[in-house]
Amino acid sequence: MVQLRCLLPGALVVLLAVAASAEVVPFDHCGQYSPDKEPHCNVHEVRVTPCPEAARNLPCVLKRGTEPSIQFDFTTENPSNEVKSQAYWKTSTDEKPLIGMDRNACNNTPCPVVENQLHLYNNTISISRKFPPRGYHVKWVMWDDNDSNFECCFIFRIKLVP
């Protein structure tokens, strides 16, 4: 029992350090993404780890070949049993899906999604070394796969470096 009491404060410090390392990043809601769906979703906060640049309101600088963590808190007006998500590299003329991303959002947030309850989505994405080093707008969309008028959409900025 004494050993457990000694380990508990250390474990708490580690958990707090991990939670504190995620940086809240500026983002924009993109409103309705699909013409046949209403948003009915509110993204409250987006966090990226690592992203110390967020404190200065700058794009997250991410190294190619790494796996940053993306988290966001959301509520929805409609429940959902099956939720999908996809990130896109957004340019002024096009959107390209992030290849290799797990589209089953239930692997990254507890399902079913309950209406009017705060939910946490947590995903780690692979940044390929093949992606050109430059700035990107990342569009993140999450939707109900059964057409229940549930959709979240937001955009944040990153800068890829070698």
N, C-alpha and C. Protein backbone atom coordinates (compact mmCIF):
# COMPACT_ATOMS: atom_id res chain seq x y z
N MET A 1 0.82 -1.20 0.00
CA MET A 1 0.00 0.00 0.00
C MET A 1 0.86 1.26 0.00
N VAL A 2 1.99 1.20 0.71
CA VAL A 2 2.89 2.35 0.76
C VAL A 2 3.44 2.64 -0.63
N GLN A 3 3.77 1.59 -1.41
CA GLN A 3 4.30 1.80 -2.75
C GLN A 3 3.26 2.48 -3.64
N LEU A 4 1.99 2.09 -3.52
CA LEU A 4 0.94 2.69 -4.32
C LEU A 4 0.79 4.18 -4.00
N ARG A 5 0.87 4.53 -2.71
CA ARG A 5 0.77 5.95 -2.33
C ARG A 5 1.93 6.75 -2.88
N CYS A 6 3.10 6.13 -2.98
CA CYS A 6 4.26 6.82 -3.53
C CYS A 6 4.14 7.01 -5.04
N LEU A 7 3.53 6.05 -5.72
CA LEU A 7 3.39 6.12 -7.17
C LEU A 7 2.28 7.06 -7.61
N LEU A 8 1.24 7.18 -6.82
CA LEU A 8 0.08 7.99 -7.19
C LEU A 8 0.42 9.45 -7.47
N PRO A 9 1.18 10.14 -6.61
CA PRO A 9 1.52 11.53 -6.94
C PRO A 9 2.33 11.64 -8.23
N GLY A 10 3.23 10.70 -8.47
CA GLY A 10 4.03 10.73 -9.70
C GLY A 10 3.17 10.53 -10.92
N ALA A 11 2.23 9.60 -10.85
CA ALA A 11 1.33 9.36 -11.98
C ALA A 11 0.47 10.60 -12.25
N LEU A 12 0.02 11.27 -11.22
CA LEU A 12 -0.78 12.48 -11.37
C LEU A 12 0.02 13.57 -12.05
N VAL A 13 1.27 13.73 -11.68
CA VAL A 13 2.13 14.74 -12.30
C VAL A 13 2.30 14.44 -13.78
N VAL A 14 2.51 13.17 -14.14
CA VAL A 14 2.67 12.78 -15.54
C VAL A 14 1.39 13.08 -16.32
N LEU A 15 0.22 12.74 -15.78
CA LEU A 15 -1.04 13.03 -16.46
C LEU A 15 -1.26 14.52 -16.66
N LEU A 16 -0.95 15.31 -15.66
CA LEU A 16 -1.10 16.76 -15.77
C LEU A 16 -0.13 17.33 -16.80
N ALA A 17 1.07 16.80 -16.86
CA ALA A 17 2.05 17.27 -17.83
C ALA A 17 1.60 16.96 -19.25
N VAL A 18 1.05 15.77 -19.46
CA VAL A 18 0.55 15.41 -20.79
C VAL A 18 -0.61 16.31 -21.18
N ALA A 19 -1.55 16.54 -20.28
CA ALA A 19 -2.70 17.40 -20.58
C ALA A 19 -2.26 18.83 -20.84
N ALA A 20 -1.26 19.31 -20.10
CA ALA A 20 -0.80 20.69 -20.26
C ALA A 20 0.00 20.87 -21.54
N SER A 21 0.55 19.80 -22.11
CA SER A 21 1.39 19.93 -23.30
C SER A 21 0.57 20.17 -24.56
N ALA A 22 -0.70 19.83 -24.58
CA ALA A 22 -1.56 20.08 -25.73
C ALA A 22 -1.86 21.57 -25.79
N GLU A 23 -1.64 22.15 -26.96
CA GLU A 23 -1.83 23.59 -27.13
C GLU A 23 -3.16 23.88 -27.81
N VAL A 24 -3.90 24.81 -27.24
CA VAL A 24 -5.15 25.26 -27.85
C VAL A 24 -4.79 26.10 -29.07
N VAL A 25 -5.32 25.72 -30.22
CA VAL A 25 -4.98 26.42 -31.46
C VAL A 25 -6.17 27.23 -31.95
N PRO A 26 -5.89 28.35 -32.61
CA PRO A 26 -6.99 29.11 -33.20
C PRO A 26 -7.59 28.33 -34.37
N PHE A 27 -8.90 28.40 -34.52
CA PHE A 27 -9.58 27.69 -35.60
C PHE A 27 -10.80 28.50 -36.02
N ASP A 28 -11.29 28.17 -37.21
CA ASP A 28 -12.51 28.77 -37.73
C ASP A 28 -13.52 27.66 -37.99
N HIS A 29 -14.77 27.94 -37.67
CA HIS A 29 -15.84 27.01 -38.04
C HIS A 29 -16.05 27.16 -39.54
N CYS A 30 -16.24 26.07 -40.24
CA CYS A 30 -16.46 26.19 -41.67
C CYS A 30 -17.93 26.05 -42.02
N GLY A 31 -18.77 25.97 -41.02
CA GLY A 31 -20.21 25.94 -41.29
C GLY A 31 -20.62 24.66 -41.97
N GLN A 32 -21.59 24.77 -42.83
CA GLN A 32 -22.15 23.60 -43.50
C GLN A 32 -21.18 23.11 -44.55
N TYR A 33 -20.78 21.85 -44.47
CA TYR A 33 -19.83 21.27 -45.42
C TYR A 33 -20.57 20.56 -46.55
N SER A 34 -21.54 19.76 -46.21
CA SER A 34 -22.32 19.04 -47.22
C SER A 34 -23.63 19.77 -47.44
N PRO A 35 -24.04 19.94 -48.70
CA PRO A 35 -25.28 20.68 -48.95
C PRO A 35 -26.52 20.01 -48.37
N ASP A 36 -26.47 18.69 -48.13
CA ASP A 36 -27.65 17.99 -47.64
C ASP A 36 -27.65 17.80 -46.12
N LYS A 37 -26.68 18.39 -45.41
CA LYS A 37 -26.62 18.22 -43.96
C LYS A 37 -26.57 19.59 -43.28
N GLU A 38 -27.19 19.68 -42.15
CA GLU A 38 -27.09 20.86 -41.29
C GLU A 38 -25.96 20.62 -40.31
N PRO A 39 -25.22 21.66 -39.90
CA PRO A 39 -24.12 21.44 -38.97
C PRO A 39 -24.57 20.85 -37.63
N HIS A 40 -25.51 21.45 -36.95
CA HIS A 40 -26.00 20.95 -35.66
C HIS A 40 -24.88 20.46 -34.74
N CYS A 41 -23.74 21.09 -34.82
CA CYS A 41 -22.58 20.67 -34.04
C CYS A 41 -21.77 21.92 -33.69
N ASN A 42 -21.23 21.92 -32.50
CA ASN A 42 -20.41 23.04 -32.09
C ASN A 42 -19.05 22.53 -31.61
N VAL A 43 -18.00 22.96 -32.27
CA VAL A 43 -16.64 22.65 -31.83
C VAL A 43 -16.24 23.75 -30.86
N HIS A 44 -15.87 23.36 -29.64
CA HIS A 44 -15.56 24.33 -28.60
C HIS A 44 -14.09 24.69 -28.53
N GLU A 45 -13.23 23.69 -28.72
CA GLU A 45 -11.79 23.93 -28.59
C GLU A 45 -11.05 22.89 -29.41
N VAL A 46 -9.96 23.32 -30.05
CA VAL A 46 -9.10 22.43 -30.82
C VAL A 46 -7.70 22.51 -30.22
N ARG A 47 -7.07 21.32 -30.02
CA ARG A 47 -5.72 21.26 -29.45
C ARG A 47 -4.83 20.40 -30.35
N VAL A 48 -3.59 20.86 -30.51
CA VAL A 48 -2.60 20.12 -31.29
C VAL A 48 -1.36 19.96 -30.43
N THR A 49 -0.79 18.74 -30.45
CA THR A 49 0.45 18.47 -29.73
C THR A 49 1.43 17.87 -30.72
N PRO A 50 2.58 18.47 -30.95
CA PRO A 50 3.08 19.70 -30.34
C PRO A 50 2.64 20.93 -31.13
N CYS A 51 2.50 22.04 -30.46
CA CYS A 51 2.21 23.31 -31.12
C CYS A 51 2.47 24.48 -30.19
N PRO A 52 3.72 24.71 -29.80
CA PRO A 52 4.00 25.88 -28.95
C PRO A 52 3.71 27.20 -29.65
N GLU A 53 3.64 27.19 -30.98
CA GLU A 53 3.35 28.41 -31.75
C GLU A 53 1.95 28.94 -31.49
N ALA A 54 1.05 28.09 -31.03
CA ALA A 54 -0.34 28.50 -30.80
C ALA A 54 -0.43 29.63 -29.78
N ALA A 55 0.49 29.66 -28.83
CA ALA A 55 0.48 30.73 -27.82
C ALA A 55 0.69 32.10 -28.45
N ARG A 56 1.30 32.13 -29.64
CA ARG A 56 1.54 33.40 -30.35
C ARG A 56 0.58 33.55 -31.54
N ASN A 57 -0.48 32.71 -31.58
CA ASN A 57 -1.49 32.75 -32.64
C ASN A 57 -0.90 32.48 -34.03
N LEU A 58 0.13 31.61 -34.07
CA LEU A 58 0.78 31.24 -35.32
C LEU A 58 0.41 29.81 -35.70
N PRO A 59 0.58 29.45 -36.99
CA PRO A 59 0.31 28.06 -37.38
C PRO A 59 1.24 27.09 -36.64
N CYS A 60 0.74 25.89 -36.37
CA CYS A 60 1.54 24.85 -35.74
C CYS A 60 2.64 24.43 -36.71
N VAL A 61 3.88 24.43 -36.25
CA VAL A 61 5.00 23.96 -37.06
C VAL A 61 5.19 22.48 -36.76
N LEU A 62 4.94 21.65 -37.77
CA LEU A 62 5.01 20.20 -37.61
C LEU A 62 6.07 19.64 -38.56
N LYS A 63 6.86 18.73 -38.04
CA LYS A 63 7.90 18.11 -38.85
C LYS A 63 7.32 16.95 -39.65
N ARG A 64 7.75 16.88 -40.91
CA ARG A 64 7.36 15.74 -41.73
C ARG A 64 7.96 14.48 -41.10
N GLY A 65 7.24 13.37 -41.19
CA GLY A 65 7.69 12.12 -40.60
C GLY A 65 7.32 11.97 -39.13
N THR A 66 6.49 12.88 -38.60
CA THR A 66 6.07 12.79 -37.20
C THR A 66 4.58 12.45 -37.14
N GLU A 67 4.11 12.26 -35.91
CA GLU A 67 2.70 11.92 -35.68
C GLU A 67 2.12 12.82 -34.60
N PRO A 68 1.68 14.02 -34.98
CA PRO A 68 1.08 14.92 -33.99
C PRO A 68 -0.30 14.44 -33.56
N SER A 69 -0.71 14.90 -32.40
CA SER A 69 -2.02 14.57 -31.83
C SER A 69 -2.97 15.74 -32.08
N ILE A 70 -4.18 15.42 -32.52
CA ILE A 70 -5.23 16.41 -32.73
C ILE A 70 -6.39 16.04 -31.81
N GLN A 71 -6.84 17.01 -31.02
CA GLN A 71 -7.99 16.80 -30.14
C GLN A 71 -8.96 17.94 -30.33
N PHE A 72 -10.24 17.64 -30.19
CA PHE A 72 -11.21 18.73 -30.12
C PHE A 72 -12.40 18.30 -29.28
N ASP A 73 -13.00 19.31 -28.63
CA ASP A 73 -14.19 19.12 -27.82
C ASP A 73 -15.38 19.60 -28.64
N PHE A 74 -16.46 18.82 -28.60
CA PHE A 74 -17.64 19.20 -29.38
C PHE A 74 -18.92 18.76 -28.68
N THR A 75 -19.98 19.43 -29.03
CA THR A 75 -21.33 19.02 -28.66
C THR A 75 -22.17 19.00 -29.94
N THR A 76 -23.22 18.19 -29.91
CA THR A 76 -24.10 18.11 -31.07
C THR A 76 -25.55 18.12 -30.60
N GLU A 77 -26.42 18.58 -31.49
CA GLU A 77 -27.85 18.60 -31.18
C GLU A 77 -28.51 17.27 -31.50
N ASN A 78 -27.83 16.42 -32.26
CA ASN A 78 -28.41 15.15 -32.69
C ASN A 78 -27.52 13.99 -32.25
N PRO A 79 -28.11 12.89 -31.78
CA PRO A 79 -27.31 11.72 -31.41
C PRO A 79 -26.83 10.99 -32.66
N SER A 80 -25.81 10.17 -32.48
CA SER A 80 -25.30 9.39 -33.59
C SER A 80 -24.63 8.12 -33.09
N ASN A 81 -24.90 7.01 -33.76
CA ASN A 81 -24.26 5.75 -33.41
C ASN A 81 -22.99 5.50 -34.21
N GLU A 82 -22.96 5.98 -35.45
CA GLU A 82 -21.81 5.76 -36.33
C GLU A 82 -21.32 7.10 -36.86
N VAL A 83 -20.11 7.47 -36.47
CA VAL A 83 -19.56 8.77 -36.84
C VAL A 83 -18.29 8.57 -37.67
N LYS A 84 -18.17 9.33 -38.74
CA LYS A 84 -16.99 9.30 -39.61
C LYS A 84 -16.26 10.64 -39.50
N SER A 85 -14.98 10.65 -39.84
CA SER A 85 -14.22 11.90 -39.87
C SER A 85 -13.18 11.85 -40.96
N GLN A 86 -12.80 13.01 -41.45
CA GLN A 86 -11.78 13.11 -42.49
C GLN A 86 -11.12 14.48 -42.41
N ALA A 87 -9.80 14.48 -42.51
CA ALA A 87 -9.05 15.73 -42.60
C ALA A 87 -8.68 15.96 -44.07
N TYR A 88 -8.67 17.23 -44.45
CA TYR A 88 -8.35 17.62 -45.82
C TYR A 88 -7.28 18.70 -45.80
N TRP A 89 -6.37 18.64 -46.78
CA TRP A 89 -5.45 19.75 -47.02
C TRP A 89 -6.21 20.71 -47.91
N LYS A 90 -6.45 21.90 -47.44
CA LYS A 90 -7.27 22.86 -48.17
C LYS A 90 -6.38 23.89 -48.85
N THR A 91 -6.60 24.09 -50.13
CA THR A 91 -5.92 25.15 -50.87
C THR A 91 -6.98 26.13 -51.34
N SER A 92 -6.56 27.16 -52.04
CA SER A 92 -7.53 28.14 -52.52
C SER A 92 -8.43 27.56 -53.61
N THR A 93 -8.01 26.48 -54.25
CA THR A 93 -8.79 25.92 -55.35
C THR A 93 -9.26 24.49 -55.14
N ASP A 94 -8.75 23.81 -54.09
CA ASP A 94 -9.01 22.38 -53.99
C ASP A 94 -8.93 21.91 -52.54
N GLU A 95 -9.42 20.70 -52.32
CA GLU A 95 -9.26 20.00 -51.03
C GLU A 95 -8.81 18.59 -51.33
N LYS A 96 -7.77 18.14 -50.65
CA LYS A 96 -7.27 16.78 -50.84
C LYS A 96 -7.36 16.05 -49.51
N PRO A 97 -7.98 14.86 -49.49
CA PRO A 97 -8.09 14.12 -48.22
C PRO A 97 -6.73 13.65 -47.73
N LEU A 98 -6.56 13.64 -46.43
CA LEU A 98 -5.34 13.11 -45.82
C LEU A 98 -5.36 11.59 -46.00
N ILE A 99 -4.43 11.11 -46.79
CA ILE A 99 -4.37 9.69 -47.14
C ILE A 99 -3.99 8.86 -45.91
N GLY A 100 -4.66 7.73 -45.74
CA GLY A 100 -4.32 6.81 -44.66
C GLY A 100 -4.99 7.11 -43.34
N MET A 101 -5.83 8.12 -43.29
CA MET A 101 -6.50 8.47 -42.04
C MET A 101 -7.63 7.48 -41.75
N ASP A 102 -7.74 7.06 -40.51
CA ASP A 102 -8.84 6.19 -40.08
C ASP A 102 -10.11 7.03 -40.07
N ARG A 103 -11.06 6.74 -40.94
CA ARG A 103 -12.28 7.54 -41.06
C ARG A 103 -13.34 7.16 -40.03
N ASN A 104 -13.15 6.07 -39.30
CA ASN A 104 -14.10 5.67 -38.28
C ASN A 104 -13.85 6.50 -37.02
N ALA A 105 -14.61 7.57 -36.84
CA ALA A 105 -14.40 8.48 -35.71
C ALA A 105 -14.70 7.81 -34.37
N CYS A 106 -15.46 6.72 -34.38
CA CYS A 106 -15.74 6.01 -33.13
C CYS A 106 -14.49 5.36 -32.55
N ASN A 107 -13.42 5.27 -33.33
CA ASN A 107 -12.14 4.83 -32.80
C ASN A 107 -11.42 5.95 -32.06
N ASN A 108 -11.94 7.18 -32.19
CA ASN A 108 -11.29 8.35 -31.61
C ASN A 108 -12.17 9.16 -30.67
N THR A 109 -13.42 8.79 -30.56
CA THR A 109 -14.35 9.41 -29.62
C THR A 109 -15.36 8.34 -29.20
N PRO A 110 -15.82 8.37 -27.96
CA PRO A 110 -16.78 7.35 -27.55
C PRO A 110 -18.09 7.44 -28.34
N CYS A 111 -18.55 6.31 -28.81
CA CYS A 111 -19.84 6.24 -29.51
C CYS A 111 -20.75 5.34 -28.69
N PRO A 112 -22.04 5.59 -28.68
CA PRO A 112 -22.72 6.59 -29.49
C PRO A 112 -22.45 8.02 -28.99
N VAL A 113 -22.53 8.95 -29.93
CA VAL A 113 -22.44 10.37 -29.59
C VAL A 113 -23.80 10.79 -29.08
N VAL A 114 -23.83 11.38 -27.90
CA VAL A 114 -25.07 11.75 -27.23
C VAL A 114 -25.30 13.26 -27.42
N GLU A 115 -26.53 13.63 -27.74
CA GLU A 115 -26.84 15.04 -27.96
C GLU A 115 -26.65 15.85 -26.67
N ASN A 116 -26.21 17.11 -26.85
CA ASN A 116 -26.04 18.08 -25.76
C ASN A 116 -25.09 17.62 -24.66
N GLN A 117 -24.13 16.79 -25.02
CA GLN A 117 -23.11 16.33 -24.06
C GLN A 117 -21.74 16.64 -24.66
N LEU A 118 -20.81 17.13 -23.83
CA LEU A 118 -19.48 17.43 -24.30
C LEU A 118 -18.72 16.14 -24.60
N HIS A 119 -18.15 16.07 -25.81
CA HIS A 119 -17.39 14.90 -26.24
C HIS A 119 -15.98 15.32 -26.60
N LEU A 120 -15.02 14.39 -26.44
CA LEU A 120 -13.63 14.61 -26.81
C LEU A 120 -13.28 13.68 -27.97
N TYR A 121 -12.78 14.27 -29.06
CA TYR A 121 -12.24 13.51 -30.18
C TYR A 121 -10.73 13.60 -30.06
N ASN A 122 -10.03 12.48 -30.17
CA ASN A 122 -8.57 12.45 -30.00
C ASN A 122 -7.98 11.54 -31.07
N ASN A 123 -7.12 12.08 -31.93
CA ASN A 123 -6.55 11.31 -33.03
C ASN A 123 -5.08 11.66 -33.19
N THR A 124 -4.30 10.70 -33.63
CA THR A 124 -2.91 10.92 -34.00
C THR A 124 -2.82 10.69 -35.50
N ILE A 125 -2.24 11.66 -36.21
CA ILE A 125 -2.13 11.53 -37.65
C ILE A 125 -0.67 11.44 -38.06
N SER A 126 -0.42 10.74 -39.16
CA SER A 126 0.94 10.60 -39.68
C SER A 126 1.18 11.67 -40.73
N ILE A 127 2.25 12.43 -40.54
CA ILE A 127 2.64 13.45 -41.51
C ILE A 127 3.75 12.83 -42.37
N SER A 128 3.41 12.46 -43.58
CA SER A 128 4.35 11.79 -44.47
C SER A 128 5.51 12.71 -44.82
N ARG A 129 6.68 12.11 -44.99
CA ARG A 129 7.86 12.86 -45.45
C ARG A 129 7.69 13.30 -46.90
N LYS A 130 6.71 12.74 -47.60
CA LYS A 130 6.46 13.09 -49.00
C LYS A 130 5.69 14.41 -49.14
N PHE A 131 5.01 14.86 -48.07
CA PHE A 131 4.26 16.10 -48.17
C PHE A 131 5.22 17.28 -48.34
N PRO A 132 4.93 18.18 -49.27
CA PRO A 132 5.82 19.33 -49.47
C PRO A 132 5.86 20.22 -48.22
N PRO A 133 7.05 20.70 -47.86
CA PRO A 133 7.14 21.61 -46.72
C PRO A 133 6.60 22.99 -47.11
N ARG A 134 5.51 23.38 -46.47
CA ARG A 134 4.87 24.68 -46.70
C ARG A 134 3.71 24.82 -45.73
N GLY A 135 3.02 25.95 -45.79
CA GLY A 135 1.85 26.17 -44.95
C GLY A 135 0.61 25.52 -45.55
N TYR A 136 -0.27 25.05 -44.66
CA TYR A 136 -1.51 24.42 -45.08
C TYR A 136 -2.65 24.89 -44.18
N HIS A 137 -3.84 24.94 -44.77
CA HIS A 137 -5.07 25.04 -43.99
C HIS A 137 -5.62 23.62 -43.92
N VAL A 138 -5.86 23.13 -42.72
CA VAL A 138 -6.40 21.79 -42.55
C VAL A 138 -7.88 21.92 -42.23
N LYS A 139 -8.70 21.28 -43.06
CA LYS A 139 -10.14 21.25 -42.82
C LYS A 139 -10.46 19.89 -42.22
N TRP A 140 -11.11 19.89 -41.05
CA TRP A 140 -11.47 18.65 -40.37
C TRP A 140 -12.99 18.55 -40.35
N VAL A 141 -13.51 17.44 -40.86
CA VAL A 141 -14.95 17.24 -40.93
C VAL A 141 -15.31 15.94 -40.22
N MET A 142 -16.36 15.98 -39.42
CA MET A 142 -16.88 14.79 -38.77
C MET A 142 -18.39 14.78 -39.01
N TRP A 143 -18.92 13.61 -39.39
CA TRP A 143 -20.33 13.53 -39.74
C TRP A 143 -20.92 12.19 -39.34
N ASP A 144 -22.24 12.17 -39.28
CA ASP A 144 -22.98 10.94 -39.01
C ASP A 144 -23.09 10.17 -40.32
N ASP A 145 -22.79 8.89 -40.27
CA ASP A 145 -22.82 8.07 -41.48
C ASP A 145 -24.24 7.64 -41.86
N ASN A 146 -25.21 7.94 -41.02
CA ASN A 146 -26.59 7.53 -41.29
C ASN A 146 -27.51 8.72 -41.54
N ASP A 147 -26.98 9.83 -42.00
CA ASP A 147 -27.78 11.00 -42.37
C ASP A 147 -28.69 11.54 -41.29
N SER A 148 -28.15 11.73 -40.08
CA SER A 148 -29.00 12.28 -39.03
C SER A 148 -28.78 13.78 -38.85
N ASN A 149 -28.33 14.46 -39.90
CA ASN A 149 -28.09 15.90 -39.82
C ASN A 149 -27.10 16.26 -38.72
N PHE A 150 -26.01 15.54 -38.65
CA PHE A 150 -24.95 15.79 -37.68
C PHE A 150 -23.67 16.02 -38.46
N GLU A 151 -23.08 17.18 -38.26
CA GLU A 151 -21.81 17.44 -38.92
C GLU A 151 -21.04 18.52 -38.18
N CYS A 152 -19.76 18.25 -37.93
CA CYS A 152 -18.83 19.23 -37.36
C CYS A 152 -17.81 19.56 -38.44
N CYS A 153 -17.39 20.80 -38.51
CA CYS A 153 -16.39 21.19 -39.49
C CYS A 153 -15.62 22.40 -38.96
N PHE A 154 -14.29 22.32 -39.01
CA PHE A 154 -13.46 23.45 -38.62
C PHE A 154 -12.17 23.44 -39.42
N ILE A 155 -11.49 24.58 -39.44
CA ILE A 155 -10.24 24.77 -40.18
C ILE A 155 -9.20 25.37 -39.25
N PHE A 156 -7.98 24.80 -39.28
CA PHE A 156 -6.86 25.38 -38.55
C PHE A 156 -5.62 25.34 -39.44
N ARG A 157 -4.58 26.08 -39.05
CA ARG A 157 -3.39 26.23 -39.88
C ARG A 157 -2.21 25.45 -39.32
N ILE A 158 -1.44 24.88 -40.24
CA ILE A 158 -0.18 24.23 -39.87
C ILE A 158 0.89 24.65 -40.87
N LYS A 159 2.13 24.45 -40.50
CA LYS A 159 3.26 24.65 -41.41
C LYS A 159 4.14 23.42 -41.30
N LEU A 160 4.33 22.71 -42.42
CA LEU A 160 5.18 21.54 -42.44
C LEU A 160 6.62 21.95 -42.72
N VAL A 161 7.53 21.35 -41.97
CA VAL A 161 8.96 21.63 -42.15
C VAL A 161 9.69 20.30 -42.32
N PRO A 162 10.87 20.32 -42.98
CA PRO A 162 11.62 19.07 -43.17
C PRO A 162 12.03 18.41 -41.87
